[in-house]
Amino acid sequence: LSPKAIEAVCRLKSINPEKTNLSIICSDISM
């Protein structure tokens, strides 16, 4: 939920978030 951090990760991996499916780690199914 941190736009600043997501931007840093995308730069690091040369990911365009508009063209690449991003993945999230959740603690459980409810999350």
PDB file of all heavy atoms in Angstrom:
ATOM      1  N   LEU A   1       0.817  -1.211   0.000  1.00  0.00           N
ATOM      2  CA  LEU A   1       0.000   0.000   0.000  1.00  0.00           C
ATOM      3  C   LEU A   1       0.857   1.270   0.000  1.00  0.00           C
ATOM      4  O   LEU A   1       0.345   2.364   0.216  1.00  0.00           O
ATOM      5  CB  LEU A   1      -0.942   0.012   1.211  1.00  0.00           C
ATOM      6  CG  LEU A   1      -1.934  -1.149   1.307  1.00  0.00           C
ATOM      7  CD1 LEU A   1      -2.948  -0.885   2.418  1.00  0.00           C
ATOM      8  CD2 LEU A   1      -2.644  -1.405  -0.005  1.00  0.00           C
ATOM      9  N   SER A   2       2.160   1.112  -0.271  1.00  0.00           N
ATOM     10  CA  SER A   2       3.075   2.252  -0.309  1.00  0.00           C
ATOM     11  C   SER A   2       3.476   2.551  -1.746  1.00  0.00           C
ATOM     12  O   SER A   2       4.318   1.850  -2.308  1.00  0.00           O
ATOM     13  CB  SER A   2       4.324   1.968   0.528  1.00  0.00           C
ATOM     14  OG  SER A   2       5.317   2.943   0.292  1.00  0.00           O
ATOM     15  N   PRO A   3       2.882   3.581  -2.366  1.00  0.00           N
ATOM     16  CA  PRO A   3       3.242   3.909  -3.755  1.00  0.00           C
ATOM     17  C   PRO A   3       4.734   4.154  -3.932  1.00  0.00           C
ATOM     18  O   PRO A   3       5.329   3.739  -4.929  1.00  0.00           O
ATOM     19  CB  PRO A   3       2.425   5.175  -4.047  1.00  0.00           C
ATOM     20  CG  PRO A   3       1.269   5.102  -3.105  1.00  0.00           C
ATOM     21  CD  PRO A   3       1.808   4.458  -1.866  1.00  0.00           C
ATOM     22  N   LYS A   4       5.363   4.816  -2.950  1.00  0.00           N
ATOM     23  CA  LYS A   4       6.796   5.097  -3.012  1.00  0.00           C
ATOM     24  C   LYS A   4       7.602   3.801  -3.083  1.00  0.00           C
ATOM     25  O   LYS A   4       8.523   3.654  -3.903  1.00  0.00           O
ATOM     26  CB  LYS A   4       7.202   5.908  -1.783  1.00  0.00           C
ATOM     27  CG  LYS A   4       8.706   6.039  -1.561  1.00  0.00           C
ATOM     28  CD  LYS A   4       8.991   6.637  -0.181  1.00  0.00           C
ATOM     29  CE  LYS A   4      10.452   6.481   0.215  1.00  0.00           C
ATOM     30  NZ  LYS A   4      10.704   6.951   1.587  1.00  0.00           N
ATOM     31  N   ALA A   5       7.272   2.842  -2.230  1.00  0.00           N
ATOM     32  CA  ALA A   5       8.009   1.582  -2.186  1.00  0.00           C
ATOM     33  C   ALA A   5       7.756   0.752  -3.443  1.00  0.00           C
ATOM     34  O   ALA A   5       8.675   0.131  -3.991  1.00  0.00           O
ATOM     35  CB  ALA A   5       7.627   0.800  -0.940  1.00  0.00           C
ATOM     36  N   ILE A   6       6.508   0.735  -3.907  1.00  0.00           N
ATOM     37  CA  ILE A   6       6.179  -0.019  -5.115  1.00  0.00           C
ATOM     38  C   ILE A   6       6.946   0.545  -6.309  1.00  0.00           C
ATOM     39  O   ILE A   6       7.490  -0.203  -7.136  1.00  0.00           O
ATOM     40  CB  ILE A   6       4.661   0.012  -5.379  1.00  0.00           C
ATOM     41  CG1 ILE A   6       3.934  -0.791  -4.308  1.00  0.00           C
ATOM     42  CG2 ILE A   6       4.342  -0.551  -6.767  1.00  0.00           C
ATOM     43  CD1 ILE A   6       2.430  -0.669  -4.362  1.00  0.00           C
ATOM     44  N   GLU A   7       7.032   1.857  -6.397  1.00  0.00           N
ATOM     45  CA  GLU A   7       7.786   2.490  -7.471  1.00  0.00           C
ATOM     46  C   GLU A   7       9.255   2.076  -7.412  1.00  0.00           C
ATOM     47  O   GLU A   7       9.877   1.798  -8.440  1.00  0.00           O
ATOM     48  CB  GLU A   7       7.668   4.011  -7.359  1.00  0.00           C
ATOM     49  CG  GLU A   7       8.332   4.765  -8.487  1.00  0.00           C
ATOM     50  CD  GLU A   7       8.171   6.267  -8.339  1.00  0.00           C
ATOM     51  OE1 GLU A   7       7.219   6.718  -7.681  1.00  0.00           O
ATOM     52  OE2 GLU A   7       9.016   6.995  -8.887  1.00  0.00           O
ATOM     53  N   ALA A   8       9.822   2.011  -6.199  1.00  0.00           N
ATOM     54  CA  ALA A   8      11.228   1.612  -6.035  1.00  0.00           C
ATOM     55  C   ALA A   8      11.446   0.171  -6.488  1.00  0.00           C
ATOM     56  O   ALA A   8      12.432  -0.138  -7.178  1.00  0.00           O
ATOM     57  CB  ALA A   8      11.653   1.778  -4.577  1.00  0.00           C
ATOM     58  N   VAL A   9      10.535  -0.726  -6.129  1.00  0.00           N
ATOM     59  CA  VAL A   9      10.664  -2.128  -6.531  1.00  0.00           C
ATOM     60  C   VAL A   9      10.524  -2.267  -8.046  1.00  0.00           C
ATOM     61  O   VAL A   9      11.285  -3.010  -8.687  1.00  0.00           O
ATOM     62  CB  VAL A   9       9.627  -3.002  -5.799  1.00  0.00           C
ATOM     63  CG1 VAL A   9       9.604  -4.409  -6.377  1.00  0.00           C
ATOM     64  CG2 VAL A   9       9.931  -3.056  -4.306  1.00  0.00           C
ATOM     65  N   CYS A  10       9.577  -1.566  -8.626  1.00  0.00           N
ATOM     66  CA  CYS A  10       9.382  -1.643 -10.077  1.00  0.00           C
ATOM     67  C   CYS A  10      10.605  -1.117 -10.830  1.00  0.00           C
ATOM     68  O   CYS A  10      11.004  -1.678 -11.857  1.00  0.00           O
ATOM     69  CB  CYS A  10       8.127  -0.883 -10.488  1.00  0.00           C
ATOM     70  SG  CYS A  10       6.584  -1.704  -9.982  1.00  0.00           S
ATOM     71  N   ARG A  11      11.222  -0.053 -10.306  1.00  0.00           N
ATOM     72  CA  ARG A  11      12.454   0.455 -10.919  1.00  0.00           C
ATOM     73  C   ARG A  11      13.573  -0.579 -10.813  1.00  0.00           C
ATOM     74  O   ARG A  11      14.312  -0.817 -11.769  1.00  0.00           O
ATOM     75  CB  ARG A  11      12.895   1.750 -10.244  1.00  0.00           C
ATOM     76  CG  ARG A  11      12.196   3.000 -10.714  1.00  0.00           C
ATOM     77  CD  ARG A  11      13.003   4.254 -10.373  1.00  0.00           C
ATOM     78  NE  ARG A  11      13.451   4.268  -8.993  1.00  0.00           N
ATOM     79  CZ  ARG A  11      12.756   4.807  -7.991  1.00  0.00           C
ATOM     80  NH1 ARG A  11      11.582   5.375  -8.208  1.00  0.00           N
ATOM     81  NH2 ARG A  11      13.240   4.782  -6.758  1.00  0.00           N
ATOM     82  N   LEU A  12      13.675  -1.190  -9.662  1.00  0.00           N
ATOM     83  CA  LEU A  12      14.729  -2.166  -9.422  1.00  0.00           C
ATOM     84  C   LEU A  12      14.627  -3.358 -10.365  1.00  0.00           C
ATOM     85  O   LEU A  12      15.639  -3.865 -10.855  1.00  0.00           O
ATOM     86  CB  LEU A  12      14.652  -2.637  -7.968  1.00  0.00           C
ATOM     87  CG  LEU A  12      15.727  -3.593  -7.465  1.00  0.00           C
ATOM     88  CD1 LEU A  12      17.111  -2.981  -7.574  1.00  0.00           C
ATOM     89  CD2 LEU A  12      15.435  -3.981  -6.017  1.00  0.00           C
ATOM     90  N   LYS A  13      13.406  -3.796 -10.639  1.00  0.00           N
ATOM     91  CA  LYS A  13      13.204  -4.951 -11.509  1.00  0.00           C
ATOM     92  C   LYS A  13      12.879  -4.565 -12.952  1.00  0.00           C
ATOM     93  O   LYS A  13      12.597  -5.424 -13.772  1.00  0.00           O
ATOM     94  CB  LYS A  13      12.064  -5.814 -10.951  1.00  0.00           C
ATOM     95  CG  LYS A  13      12.447  -6.763  -9.853  1.00  0.00           C
ATOM     96  CD  LYS A  13      13.256  -7.981 -10.322  1.00  0.00           C
ATOM     97  CE  LYS A  13      12.503  -8.899 -11.235  1.00  0.00           C
ATOM     98  NZ  LYS A  13      11.580  -9.815 -10.611  1.00  0.00           N
ATOM     99  N   SER A  14      12.898  -3.263 -13.258  1.00  0.00           N
ATOM    100  CA  SER A  14      12.525  -2.768 -14.598  1.00  0.00           C
ATOM    101  C   SER A  14      11.136  -3.254 -14.985  1.00  0.00           C
ATOM    102  O   SER A  14      10.895  -3.715 -16.107  1.00  0.00           O
ATOM    103  CB  SER A  14      13.557  -3.203 -15.644  1.00  0.00           C
ATOM    104  OG  SER A  14      14.836  -2.703 -15.327  1.00  0.00           O
ATOM    105  N   ILE A  15      10.220  -3.151 -14.035  1.00  0.00           N
ATOM    106  CA  ILE A  15       8.832  -3.567 -14.246  1.00  0.00           C
ATOM    107  C   ILE A  15       7.985  -2.345 -14.581  1.00  0.00           C
ATOM    108  O   ILE A  15       8.072  -1.320 -13.908  1.00  0.00           O
ATOM    109  CB  ILE A  15       8.264  -4.246 -12.979  1.00  0.00           C
ATOM    110  CG1 ILE A  15       8.944  -5.583 -12.727  1.00  0.00           C
ATOM    111  CG2 ILE A  15       6.750  -4.433 -13.079  1.00  0.00           C
ATOM    112  CD1 ILE A  15       8.574  -6.205 -11.385  1.00  0.00           C
ATOM    113  N   ASN A  16       7.157  -2.464 -15.604  1.00  0.00           N
ATOM    114  CA  ASN A  16       6.133  -1.466 -15.870  1.00  0.00           C
ATOM    115  C   ASN A  16       4.835  -1.980 -15.259  1.00  0.00           C
ATOM    116  O   ASN A  16       4.246  -2.931 -15.789  1.00  0.00           O
ATOM    117  CB  ASN A  16       5.972  -1.249 -17.378  1.00  0.00           C
ATOM    118  CG  ASN A  16       4.943  -0.184 -17.701  1.00  0.00           C
ATOM    119  OD1 ASN A  16       4.123   0.190 -16.852  1.00  0.00           O
ATOM    120  ND2 ASN A  16       4.955   0.322 -18.920  1.00  0.00           N
ATOM    121  N   PRO A  17       4.373  -1.392 -14.165  1.00  0.00           N
ATOM    122  CA  PRO A  17       3.184  -1.928 -13.492  1.00  0.00           C
ATOM    123  C   PRO A  17       1.920  -1.850 -14.332  1.00  0.00           C
ATOM    124  O   PRO A  17       0.930  -2.511 -14.033  1.00  0.00           O
ATOM    125  CB  PRO A  17       3.075  -1.068 -12.225  1.00  0.00           C
ATOM    126  CG  PRO A  17       3.819   0.180 -12.541  1.00  0.00           C
ATOM    127  CD  PRO A  17       4.923  -0.217 -13.472  1.00  0.00           C
ATOM    128  N   GLU A  18       1.954  -1.047 -15.399  1.00  0.00           N
ATOM    129  CA  GLU A  18       0.780  -0.967 -16.266  1.00  0.00           C
ATOM    130  C   GLU A  18       0.731  -2.127 -17.251  1.00  0.00           C
ATOM    131  O   GLU A  18      -0.291  -2.379 -17.872  1.00  0.00           O
ATOM    132  CB  GLU A  18       0.785   0.362 -17.025  1.00  0.00           C
ATOM    133  CG  GLU A  18       0.616   1.576 -16.114  1.00  0.00           C
ATOM    134  CD  GLU A  18       0.513   2.864 -16.895  1.00  0.00           C
ATOM    135  OE1 GLU A  18       0.395   2.799 -18.137  1.00  0.00           O
ATOM    136  OE2 GLU A  18       0.548   3.938 -16.280  1.00  0.00           O
ATOM    137  N   LYS A  19       1.853  -2.856 -17.401  1.00  0.00           N
ATOM    138  CA  LYS A  19       1.904  -3.936 -18.381  1.00  0.00           C
ATOM    139  C   LYS A  19       2.196  -5.292 -17.758  1.00  0.00           C
ATOM    140  O   LYS A  19       2.128  -6.314 -18.429  1.00  0.00           O
ATOM    141  CB  LYS A  19       2.976  -3.630 -19.441  1.00  0.00           C
ATOM    142  CG  LYS A  19       2.671  -2.395 -20.281  1.00  0.00           C
ATOM    143  CD  LYS A  19       3.742  -2.179 -21.333  1.00  0.00           C
ATOM    144  CE  LYS A  19       3.419  -0.954 -22.203  1.00  0.00           C
ATOM    145  NZ  LYS A  19       4.456  -0.707 -23.230  1.00  0.00           N
ATOM    146  N   THR A  20       2.533  -5.300 -16.484  1.00  0.00           N
ATOM    147  CA  THR A  20       2.927  -6.533 -15.813  1.00  0.00           C
ATOM    148  C   THR A  20       1.988  -6.819 -14.655  1.00  0.00           C
ATOM    149  O   THR A  20       1.657  -5.928 -13.885  1.00  0.00           O
ATOM    150  CB  THR A  20       4.367  -6.409 -15.261  1.00  0.00           C
ATOM    151  OG1 THR A  20       5.242  -6.045 -16.329  1.00  0.00           O
ATOM    152  CG2 THR A  20       4.836  -7.717 -14.655  1.00  0.00           C
ATOM    153  N   ASN A  21       1.559  -8.079 -14.558  1.00  0.00           N
ATOM    154  CA  ASN A  21       0.748  -8.464 -13.408  1.00  0.00           C
ATOM    155  C   ASN A  21       1.614  -8.456 -12.159  1.00  0.00           C
ATOM    156  O   ASN A  21       2.661  -9.102 -12.109  1.00  0.00           O
ATOM    157  CB  ASN A  21       0.151  -9.859 -13.612  1.00  0.00           C
ATOM    158  CG  ASN A  21      -1.036  -9.854 -14.550  1.00  0.00           C
ATOM    159  OD1 ASN A  21      -1.763  -8.868 -14.617  1.00  0.00           O
ATOM    160  ND2 ASN A  21      -1.241 -10.932 -15.267  1.00  0.00           N
ATOM    161  N   LEU A  22       1.207  -7.714 -11.153  1.00  0.00           N
ATOM    162  CA  LEU A  22       1.929  -7.666  -9.894  1.00  0.00           C
ATOM    163  C   LEU A  22       1.326  -8.674  -8.925  1.00  0.00           C
ATOM    164  O   LEU A  22       0.136  -8.984  -8.987  1.00  0.00           O
ATOM    165  CB  LEU A  22       1.847  -6.261  -9.305  1.00  0.00           C
ATOM    166  CG  LEU A  22       2.448  -5.142 -10.158  1.00  0.00           C
ATOM    167  CD1 LEU A  22       2.202  -3.791  -9.517  1.00  0.00           C
ATOM    168  CD2 LEU A  22       3.938  -5.365 -10.388  1.00  0.00           C
ATOM    169  N   SER A  23       2.174  -9.199  -8.028  1.00  0.00           N
ATOM    170  CA  SER A  23       1.717 -10.194  -7.060  1.00  0.00           C
ATOM    171  C   SER A  23       1.850  -9.660  -5.644  1.00  0.00           C
ATOM    172  O   SER A  23       2.731  -8.850  -5.354  1.00  0.00           O
ATOM    173  CB  SER A  23       2.532 -11.486  -7.195  1.00  0.00           C
ATOM    174  OG  SER A  23       2.268 -12.123  -8.432  1.00  0.00           O
ATOM    175  N   ILE A  24       0.970 -10.141  -4.787  1.00  0.00           N
ATOM    176  CA  ILE A  24       0.987  -9.736  -3.387  1.00  0.00           C
ATOM    177  C   ILE A  24       1.016 -10.964  -2.493  1.00  0.00           C
ATOM    178  O   ILE A  24       0.436 -12.002  -2.823  1.00  0.00           O
ATOM    179  CB  ILE A  24      -0.214  -8.840  -3.023  1.00  0.00           C
ATOM    180  CG1 ILE A  24      -1.551  -9.529  -3.374  1.00  0.00           C
ATOM    181  CG2 ILE A  24      -0.109  -7.485  -3.716  1.00  0.00           C
ATOM    182  CD1 ILE A  24      -2.789  -8.749  -2.943  1.00  0.00           C
ATOM    183  N   ILE A  25       1.727 -10.834  -1.377  1.00  0.00           N
ATOM    184  CA  ILE A  25       1.749 -11.880  -0.356  1.00  0.00           C
ATOM    185  C   ILE A  25       0.703 -11.524   0.697  1.00  0.00           C
ATOM    186  O   ILE A  25       0.705 -10.424   1.250  1.00  0.00           O
ATOM    187  CB  ILE A  25       3.130 -11.989   0.296  1.00  0.00           C
ATOM    188  CG1 ILE A  25       4.117 -12.650  -0.673  1.00  0.00           C
ATOM    189  CG2 ILE A  25       3.061 -12.779   1.610  1.00  0.00           C
ATOM    190  CD1 ILE A  25       5.537 -12.725  -0.156  1.00  0.00           C
ATOM    191  N   CYS A  26      -0.172 -12.484   0.971  1.00  0.00           N
ATOM    192  CA  CYS A  26      -1.208 -12.310   1.992  1.00  0.00           C
ATOM    193  C   CYS A  26      -0.953 -13.286   3.135  1.00  0.00           C
ATOM    194  O   CYS A  26      -0.357 -14.351   2.944  1.00  0.00           O
ATOM    195  CB  CYS A  26      -2.590 -12.554   1.401  1.00  0.00           C
ATOM    196  SG  CYS A  26      -3.039 -11.396   0.074  1.00  0.00           S
ATOM    197  N   SER A  27      -1.429 -12.934   4.305  1.00  0.00           N
ATOM    198  CA  SER A  27      -1.231 -13.809   5.460  1.00  0.00           C
ATOM    199  C   SER A  27      -2.155 -15.018   5.407  1.00  0.00           C
ATOM    200  O   SER A  27      -1.818 -16.089   5.918  1.00  0.00           O
ATOM    201  CB  SER A  27      -1.466 -13.033   6.756  1.00  0.00           C
ATOM    202  OG  SER A  27      -2.785 -12.487   6.781  1.00  0.00           O
ATOM    203  N   ASP A  28      -3.326 -14.844   4.790  1.00  0.00           N
ATOM    204  CA  ASP A  28      -4.300 -15.927   4.747  1.00  0.00           C
ATOM    205  C   ASP A  28      -5.352 -15.613   3.681  1.00  0.00           C
ATOM    206  O   ASP A  28      -5.288 -14.577   3.006  1.00  0.00           O
ATOM    207  CB  ASP A  28      -4.959 -16.135   6.113  1.00  0.00           C
ATOM    208  CG  ASP A  28      -5.534 -14.843   6.704  1.00  0.00           C
ATOM    209  OD1 ASP A  28      -5.929 -13.939   5.922  1.00  0.00           O
ATOM    210  OD2 ASP A  28      -5.595 -14.730   7.941  1.00  0.00           O
ATOM    211  N   ILE A  29      -6.325 -16.495   3.547  1.00  0.00           N
ATOM    212  CA  ILE A  29      -7.352 -16.330   2.518  1.00  0.00           C
ATOM    213  C   ILE A  29      -8.220 -15.107   2.800  1.00  0.00           C
ATOM    214  O   ILE A  29      -8.629 -14.402   1.877  1.00  0.00           O
ATOM    215  CB  ILE A  29      -8.229 -17.601   2.419  1.00  0.00           C
ATOM    216  CG1 ILE A  29      -7.373 -18.814   2.022  1.00  0.00           C
ATOM    217  CG2 ILE A  29      -9.343 -17.408   1.394  1.00  0.00           C
ATOM    218  CD1 ILE A  29      -8.128 -20.142   2.060  1.00  0.00           C
ATOM    219  N   SER A  30      -8.490 -14.843   4.067  1.00  0.00           N
ATOM    220  CA  SER A  30      -9.322 -13.683   4.409  1.00  0.00           C
ATOM    221  C   SER A  30      -8.689 -12.388   3.906  1.00  0.00           C
ATOM    222  O   SER A  30      -9.386 -11.526   3.355  1.00  0.00           O
ATOM    223  CB  SER A  30      -9.537 -13.600   5.923  1.00  0.00           C
ATOM    224  OG  SER A  30     -10.285 -14.692   6.373  1.00  0.00           O
ATOM    225  N   MET A  31      -7.385 -12.243   4.080  1.00  0.00           N
ATOM    226  CA  MET A  31      -6.710 -11.052   3.586  1.00  0.00           C
ATOM    227  C   MET A  31      -6.747 -11.014   2.061  1.00  0.00           C
ATOM    228  O   MET A  31      -6.992  -9.968   1.458  1.00  0.00           O
ATOM    229  CB  MET A  31      -5.261 -11.000   4.070  1.00  0.00           C
ATOM    230  CG  MET A  31      -4.496  -9.764   3.586  1.00  0.00           C
ATOM    231  SD  MET A  31      -2.785  -9.677   4.179  1.00  0.00           S
ATOM    232  CE  MET A  31      -3.058  -9.263   5.910  1.00  0.00           C
TER     233      MET A  31
END
